[in-house]
Every structure is written in C-alpha cells, then in structure tokens.
Amino acid sequence: MSTDKISSLIVQIIQKTVKGSIDWEVSEPPRYFEDGVEDIVPLLYTTSYKGKNIAVFLRRFKYFTDEDEYHWDEKSCFAFLNDSKNKIIWEVSDRRPILNDLFTAVSENAAGINNMLDELLDD
C-alpha cells in the first residue's frame, strides 16, 4: 500500500470537507472498536465518500514507560468501515500530522462551527 496514495486521499477528503462537499456526522463508537484492548474511542465521525463508509476518530491508549508506569496518549485515526459501519475494515493510525489536520477539519464540519461563527458574528 502506497503511503502517497493514502496521503493524497486524506488531502482530498480534507479539501472537500473544508469546502462543505462532504458532511460528517457524530456516531456512537461500536463496541468492536475497543474490544480486546484498553483503548478508548471517545469521538467517532462517519460519512460515505464515493460509496465507501469512512470514519475519523481519536484513539486514546495507555503509553507504557515501564512495566507498571504509563500515561494516556492519543492519536487521530482514519478508517474504512464495513457496510453496517460497525467494524473497521482497514485503519491508518500512524503519527502522520495530516491525520491531525483531518480530525480537526472533520470535527469542525460535524459541529457546524463555521455556521455558528457566522451567526454569532452577524449583526
């Protein structure tokens, strides 16, 4: 799998999200996202893009510094979901800065921040 293709797709999704061509919705993370791990998925955004179900979410996890010592860390993730949107088919969760940009754009879109700001600034 080419990381260039993945990065290009993520850039395309960011651009369309910022332009308002893609709308995201907040979804309840299915329990399958956390089964078998101590990870926590507090926010899940989903949409359909070109007939594919995709998701963007934060994954919080324990980062162990020693056998009994850890701190909580988090990373932004991008995933393809099955048709029922309850299982991850494939996930990108490495530390690419572009994933943070994607999460920010998606969360602003789902919250309707631009519309809220326009309404609040309108005199």
N, C-alpha and C. Protein backbone atom coordinates (compact mmCIF):
# COMPACT_ATOMS: atom_id res chain seq x y z
N MET A 1 0.85 -1.18 0.00
CA MET A 1 0.00 0.00 0.00
C MET A 1 0.89 1.23 0.00
N SER A 2 0.65 2.10 -0.90
CA SER A 2 1.46 3.31 -1.04
C SER A 2 0.99 4.39 -0.07
N THR A 3 1.93 4.87 0.75
CA THR A 3 1.56 5.95 1.68
C THR A 3 1.25 7.23 0.92
N ASP A 4 1.81 7.38 -0.29
CA ASP A 4 1.50 8.56 -1.10
C ASP A 4 0.02 8.57 -1.50
N LYS A 5 -0.51 7.41 -1.86
CA LYS A 5 -1.92 7.33 -2.24
C LYS A 5 -2.81 7.65 -1.05
N ILE A 6 -2.46 7.12 0.09
CA ILE A 6 -3.25 7.37 1.29
C ILE A 6 -3.22 8.85 1.66
N SER A 7 -2.02 9.43 1.63
CA SER A 7 -1.90 10.86 1.93
C SER A 7 -2.67 11.70 0.93
N SER A 8 -2.63 11.33 -0.34
CA SER A 8 -3.39 12.07 -1.37
C SER A 8 -4.89 11.97 -1.11
N LEU A 9 -5.36 10.79 -0.74
CA LEU A 9 -6.78 10.63 -0.43
C LEU A 9 -7.16 11.48 0.77
N ILE A 10 -6.35 11.47 1.80
CA ILE A 10 -6.65 12.26 3.01
C ILE A 10 -6.68 13.75 2.69
N VAL A 11 -5.73 14.22 1.88
CA VAL A 11 -5.72 15.63 1.46
C VAL A 11 -7.01 15.96 0.70
N GLN A 12 -7.41 15.08 -0.20
CA GLN A 12 -8.64 15.29 -0.97
C GLN A 12 -9.86 15.36 -0.04
N ILE A 13 -9.92 14.48 0.94
CA ILE A 13 -11.05 14.48 1.88
C ILE A 13 -11.03 15.75 2.73
N ILE A 14 -9.85 16.19 3.16
CA ILE A 14 -9.76 17.45 3.93
C ILE A 14 -10.30 18.60 3.09
N GLN A 15 -9.85 18.71 1.84
CA GLN A 15 -10.28 19.80 0.97
C GLN A 15 -11.80 19.80 0.78
N LYS A 16 -12.37 18.64 0.51
CA LYS A 16 -13.81 18.56 0.29
C LYS A 16 -14.59 18.81 1.58
N THR A 17 -14.01 18.43 2.70
CA THR A 17 -14.66 18.70 3.98
C THR A 17 -14.68 20.19 4.28
N VAL A 18 -13.56 20.85 4.06
CA VAL A 18 -13.46 22.30 4.32
C VAL A 18 -14.40 23.06 3.38
N LYS A 19 -14.52 22.62 2.12
CA LYS A 19 -15.41 23.27 1.16
C LYS A 19 -16.88 22.99 1.45
N GLY A 20 -17.14 21.98 2.28
CA GLY A 20 -18.52 21.62 2.59
C GLY A 20 -19.11 20.59 1.64
N SER A 21 -18.28 19.99 0.80
CA SER A 21 -18.76 18.96 -0.13
C SER A 21 -18.99 17.62 0.56
N ILE A 22 -18.36 17.42 1.69
CA ILE A 22 -18.56 16.21 2.47
C ILE A 22 -19.10 16.63 3.83
N ASP A 23 -20.19 16.01 4.24
CA ASP A 23 -20.76 16.25 5.57
C ASP A 23 -20.51 15.04 6.44
N TRP A 24 -20.10 15.30 7.66
CA TRP A 24 -19.79 14.25 8.62
C TRP A 24 -20.82 14.26 9.73
N GLU A 25 -21.06 13.10 10.31
CA GLU A 25 -21.96 13.00 11.45
C GLU A 25 -21.23 12.34 12.62
N VAL A 26 -21.64 12.75 13.81
CA VAL A 26 -21.08 12.15 15.02
C VAL A 26 -21.83 10.84 15.24
N SER A 27 -21.08 9.77 15.44
CA SER A 27 -21.68 8.46 15.66
C SER A 27 -21.18 7.87 16.97
N GLU A 28 -21.95 7.00 17.53
CA GLU A 28 -21.54 6.28 18.73
C GLU A 28 -20.54 5.20 18.31
N PRO A 29 -19.36 5.20 18.92
CA PRO A 29 -18.38 4.17 18.53
C PRO A 29 -18.90 2.77 18.88
N PRO A 30 -18.93 1.86 17.91
CA PRO A 30 -19.34 0.49 18.21
C PRO A 30 -18.38 -0.16 19.20
N ARG A 31 -18.88 -1.10 19.99
CA ARG A 31 -18.02 -1.73 20.99
C ARG A 31 -16.87 -2.47 20.34
N TYR A 32 -17.01 -2.86 19.07
CA TYR A 32 -15.94 -3.58 18.38
C TYR A 32 -14.67 -2.74 18.24
N PHE A 33 -14.82 -1.42 18.31
CA PHE A 33 -13.65 -0.54 18.19
C PHE A 33 -12.72 -0.69 19.38
N GLU A 34 -13.27 -1.14 20.52
CA GLU A 34 -12.49 -1.20 21.75
C GLU A 34 -12.34 -2.62 22.29
N ASP A 35 -12.93 -3.59 21.63
CA ASP A 35 -12.84 -4.98 22.11
C ASP A 35 -11.41 -5.48 22.13
N GLY A 36 -11.03 -6.12 23.22
CA GLY A 36 -9.73 -6.75 23.31
C GLY A 36 -8.57 -5.82 23.60
N VAL A 37 -8.86 -4.54 23.77
CA VAL A 37 -7.81 -3.56 24.07
C VAL A 37 -8.30 -2.62 25.17
N GLU A 38 -7.39 -1.89 25.75
CA GLU A 38 -7.77 -0.91 26.75
C GLU A 38 -7.94 0.48 26.13
N ASP A 39 -7.94 0.54 24.81
CA ASP A 39 -8.10 1.81 24.12
C ASP A 39 -9.51 2.37 24.33
N ILE A 40 -9.60 3.68 24.23
CA ILE A 40 -10.88 4.38 24.34
C ILE A 40 -11.07 5.19 23.07
N VAL A 41 -12.25 5.10 22.48
CA VAL A 41 -12.60 5.90 21.30
C VAL A 41 -13.74 6.82 21.72
N PRO A 42 -13.40 8.06 22.14
CA PRO A 42 -14.44 8.95 22.65
C PRO A 42 -15.28 9.63 21.57
N LEU A 43 -14.72 9.83 20.39
CA LEU A 43 -15.41 10.52 19.31
C LEU A 43 -15.23 9.76 18.01
N LEU A 44 -16.34 9.57 17.30
CA LEU A 44 -16.30 8.89 16.01
C LEU A 44 -17.12 9.70 15.02
N TYR A 45 -16.51 10.08 13.92
CA TYR A 45 -17.19 10.79 12.85
C TYR A 45 -17.25 9.87 11.64
N THR A 46 -18.43 9.76 11.01
CA THR A 46 -18.58 8.89 9.85
C THR A 46 -19.23 9.64 8.70
N THR A 47 -18.95 9.13 7.49
CA THR A 47 -19.58 9.64 6.29
C THR A 47 -19.43 8.59 5.20
N SER A 48 -20.13 8.80 4.11
CA SER A 48 -19.96 7.96 2.94
C SER A 48 -19.29 8.82 1.88
N TYR A 49 -18.20 8.33 1.34
CA TYR A 49 -17.45 9.08 0.32
C TYR A 49 -17.23 8.16 -0.87
N LYS A 50 -17.82 8.54 -1.99
CA LYS A 50 -17.74 7.76 -3.22
C LYS A 50 -18.17 6.31 -2.98
N GLY A 51 -19.23 6.16 -2.19
CA GLY A 51 -19.79 4.84 -1.94
C GLY A 51 -19.08 4.02 -0.88
N LYS A 52 -18.07 4.59 -0.25
CA LYS A 52 -17.32 3.88 0.80
C LYS A 52 -17.59 4.54 2.15
N ASN A 53 -17.83 3.72 3.16
CA ASN A 53 -18.02 4.23 4.51
C ASN A 53 -16.66 4.48 5.15
N ILE A 54 -16.46 5.71 5.57
CA ILE A 54 -15.19 6.07 6.19
C ILE A 54 -15.44 6.69 7.56
N ALA A 55 -14.42 6.64 8.38
CA ALA A 55 -14.52 7.18 9.73
C ALA A 55 -13.24 7.90 10.10
N VAL A 56 -13.39 8.88 10.96
CA VAL A 56 -12.27 9.59 11.56
C VAL A 56 -12.55 9.61 13.05
N PHE A 57 -11.53 9.29 13.84
CA PHE A 57 -11.75 9.22 15.28
C PHE A 57 -10.44 9.38 16.03
N LEU A 58 -10.58 9.66 17.33
CA LEU A 58 -9.45 9.67 18.24
C LEU A 58 -9.38 8.32 18.93
N ARG A 59 -8.18 7.82 19.08
CA ARG A 59 -7.97 6.58 19.84
C ARG A 59 -7.06 6.93 21.00
N ARG A 60 -7.59 6.81 22.23
CA ARG A 60 -6.79 7.07 23.44
C ARG A 60 -6.28 5.72 23.95
N PHE A 61 -5.02 5.72 24.36
CA PHE A 61 -4.40 4.46 24.77
C PHE A 61 -3.37 4.71 25.85
N LYS A 62 -3.05 3.65 26.57
CA LYS A 62 -2.02 3.72 27.59
C LYS A 62 -0.65 3.59 26.93
N TYR A 63 0.21 4.56 27.19
CA TYR A 63 1.58 4.51 26.69
C TYR A 63 2.47 4.15 27.88
N PHE A 64 2.99 2.93 27.85
CA PHE A 64 3.77 2.44 28.98
C PHE A 64 5.22 2.92 28.88
N THR A 65 5.71 3.49 29.97
CA THR A 65 7.10 3.91 30.05
C THR A 65 7.92 2.91 30.85
N ASP A 66 7.24 2.05 31.58
CA ASP A 66 7.85 0.97 32.34
C ASP A 66 6.77 -0.09 32.54
N GLU A 67 7.10 -1.16 33.19
CA GLU A 67 6.16 -2.25 33.35
C GLU A 67 4.86 -1.81 34.02
N ASP A 68 4.97 -0.96 35.03
CA ASP A 68 3.79 -0.51 35.77
C ASP A 68 3.50 0.98 35.62
N GLU A 69 4.28 1.68 34.83
CA GLU A 69 4.11 3.12 34.68
C GLU A 69 3.66 3.45 33.26
N TYR A 70 2.64 4.28 33.19
CA TYR A 70 2.12 4.68 31.88
C TYR A 70 1.48 6.05 31.99
N HIS A 71 1.24 6.64 30.84
CA HIS A 71 0.40 7.83 30.75
C HIS A 71 -0.52 7.65 29.55
N TRP A 72 -1.61 8.39 29.56
CA TRP A 72 -2.56 8.29 28.45
C TRP A 72 -2.07 9.15 27.30
N ASP A 73 -2.18 8.62 26.11
CA ASP A 73 -1.82 9.33 24.90
C ASP A 73 -2.97 9.16 23.91
N GLU A 74 -2.95 9.89 22.83
CA GLU A 74 -3.99 9.75 21.83
C GLU A 74 -3.44 9.97 20.44
N LYS A 75 -4.13 9.41 19.46
CA LYS A 75 -3.75 9.63 18.07
C LYS A 75 -5.01 9.69 17.22
N SER A 76 -4.92 10.45 16.16
CA SER A 76 -6.02 10.56 15.21
C SER A 76 -5.95 9.39 14.25
N CYS A 77 -7.13 8.86 13.89
CA CYS A 77 -7.18 7.68 13.03
C CYS A 77 -8.16 7.92 11.88
N PHE A 78 -7.89 7.27 10.77
CA PHE A 78 -8.74 7.28 9.58
C PHE A 78 -9.00 5.83 9.23
N ALA A 79 -10.26 5.48 8.94
CA ALA A 79 -10.57 4.07 8.69
C ALA A 79 -11.66 3.91 7.65
N PHE A 80 -11.62 2.76 6.99
CA PHE A 80 -12.71 2.31 6.14
C PHE A 80 -13.54 1.35 6.98
N LEU A 81 -14.88 1.50 6.90
CA LEU A 81 -15.79 0.68 7.69
C LEU A 81 -16.57 -0.28 6.79
N ASN A 82 -17.12 -1.33 7.39
CA ASN A 82 -17.98 -2.23 6.64
C ASN A 82 -19.31 -1.53 6.34
N ASP A 83 -20.19 -2.22 5.61
CA ASP A 83 -21.47 -1.60 5.21
C ASP A 83 -22.34 -1.22 6.39
N SER A 84 -22.25 -1.96 7.50
CA SER A 84 -23.04 -1.66 8.68
C SER A 84 -22.42 -0.57 9.55
N LYS A 85 -21.24 -0.12 9.19
CA LYS A 85 -20.49 0.92 9.91
C LYS A 85 -20.18 0.52 11.36
N ASN A 86 -20.05 -0.77 11.61
CA ASN A 86 -19.77 -1.19 12.97
C ASN A 86 -18.44 -1.93 13.13
N LYS A 87 -17.71 -2.11 12.03
CA LYS A 87 -16.40 -2.75 12.11
C LYS A 87 -15.41 -2.04 11.19
N ILE A 88 -14.18 -1.97 11.67
CA ILE A 88 -13.11 -1.37 10.88
C ILE A 88 -12.58 -2.41 9.92
N ILE A 89 -12.58 -2.06 8.63
CA ILE A 89 -12.00 -2.94 7.62
C ILE A 89 -10.50 -2.69 7.51
N TRP A 90 -10.14 -1.41 7.57
CA TRP A 90 -8.74 -1.02 7.42
C TRP A 90 -8.54 0.33 8.09
N GLU A 91 -7.43 0.51 8.77
CA GLU A 91 -7.21 1.72 9.57
C GLU A 91 -5.81 2.28 9.34
N VAL A 92 -5.75 3.60 9.29
CA VAL A 92 -4.48 4.33 9.29
C VAL A 92 -4.40 5.04 10.63
N SER A 93 -3.41 4.67 11.43
CA SER A 93 -3.33 5.28 12.75
C SER A 93 -1.89 5.61 13.14
N ASP A 94 -1.06 5.77 12.14
CA ASP A 94 0.32 6.17 12.46
C ASP A 94 0.34 7.65 12.83
N ARG A 95 1.46 8.16 13.11
CA ARG A 95 1.58 9.54 13.63
C ARG A 95 1.74 10.60 12.55
N ARG A 96 1.08 10.46 11.44
CA ARG A 96 1.16 11.47 10.37
C ARG A 96 0.47 12.76 10.82
N PRO A 97 1.13 13.88 10.68
CA PRO A 97 0.47 15.16 11.03
C PRO A 97 -0.81 15.40 10.23
N ILE A 98 -0.88 14.87 9.03
CA ILE A 98 -2.06 15.08 8.19
C ILE A 98 -3.32 14.46 8.82
N LEU A 99 -3.15 13.42 9.63
CA LEU A 99 -4.30 12.83 10.32
C LEU A 99 -4.87 13.79 11.36
N ASN A 100 -4.01 14.56 12.00
CA ASN A 100 -4.49 15.58 12.95
C ASN A 100 -5.25 16.67 12.20
N ASP A 101 -4.75 17.06 11.03
CA ASP A 101 -5.44 18.05 10.21
C ASP A 101 -6.82 17.54 9.78
N LEU A 102 -6.86 16.26 9.40
CA LEU A 102 -8.13 15.65 9.01
C LEU A 102 -9.10 15.65 10.18
N PHE A 103 -8.66 15.25 11.35
CA PHE A 103 -9.54 15.22 12.51
C PHE A 103 -10.08 16.61 12.83
N THR A 104 -9.23 17.62 12.76
CA THR A 104 -9.66 18.99 13.03
C THR A 104 -10.71 19.45 12.02
N ALA A 105 -10.46 19.21 10.73
CA ALA A 105 -11.42 19.62 9.69
C ALA A 105 -12.75 18.90 9.86
N VAL A 106 -12.70 17.61 10.15
CA VAL A 106 -13.92 16.83 10.30
C VAL A 106 -14.70 17.26 11.54
N SER A 107 -14.02 17.47 12.64
CA SER A 107 -14.72 17.86 13.87
C SER A 107 -15.37 19.24 13.71
N GLU A 108 -14.69 20.16 13.03
CA GLU A 108 -15.29 21.48 12.76
C GLU A 108 -16.51 21.35 11.86
N ASN A 109 -16.42 20.49 10.85
CA ASN A 109 -17.54 20.28 9.94
C ASN A 109 -18.74 19.68 10.67
N ALA A 110 -18.50 18.64 11.45
CA ALA A 110 -19.59 17.95 12.15
C ALA A 110 -20.26 18.84 13.19
N ALA A 111 -19.48 19.73 13.79
CA ALA A 111 -20.03 20.63 14.80
C ALA A 111 -20.71 21.84 14.18
N GLY A 112 -20.50 22.08 12.89
CA GLY A 112 -21.08 23.25 12.25
C GLY A 112 -20.49 24.56 12.74
N ILE A 113 -19.20 24.52 13.04
CA ILE A 113 -18.52 25.68 13.62
C ILE A 113 -18.62 26.91 12.71
N ASN A 114 -18.42 26.75 11.42
CA ASN A 114 -18.47 27.91 10.52
C ASN A 114 -19.84 28.58 10.55
N ASN A 115 -20.91 27.78 10.54
CA ASN A 115 -22.26 28.35 10.60
C ASN A 115 -22.50 29.04 11.94
N MET A 116 -22.05 28.42 13.02
CA MET A 116 -22.22 29.04 14.34
C MET A 116 -21.49 30.37 14.42
N LEU A 117 -20.25 30.39 13.94
CA LEU A 117 -19.47 31.64 13.98
C LEU A 117 -20.12 32.71 13.12
N ASP A 118 -20.61 32.34 11.94
CA ASP A 118 -21.29 33.31 11.07
C ASP A 118 -22.52 33.89 11.77
N GLU A 119 -23.30 33.04 12.43
CA GLU A 119 -24.48 33.50 13.13
C GLU A 119 -24.12 34.43 14.30
N LEU A 120 -23.07 34.07 15.03
CA LEU A 120 -22.67 34.88 16.18
C LEU A 120 -22.05 36.21 15.77
N LEU A 121 -21.39 36.23 14.63
CA LEU A 121 -20.74 37.46 14.17
C LEU A 121 -21.69 38.35 13.36
N ASP A 122 -22.84 37.81 12.94
CA ASP A 122 -23.79 38.58 12.15
C ASP A 122 -24.48 39.63 13.01
N ASP A 123 -24.40 40.88 12.57
CA ASP A 123 -25.05 41.98 13.31
C ASP A 123 -26.30 42.44 12.63
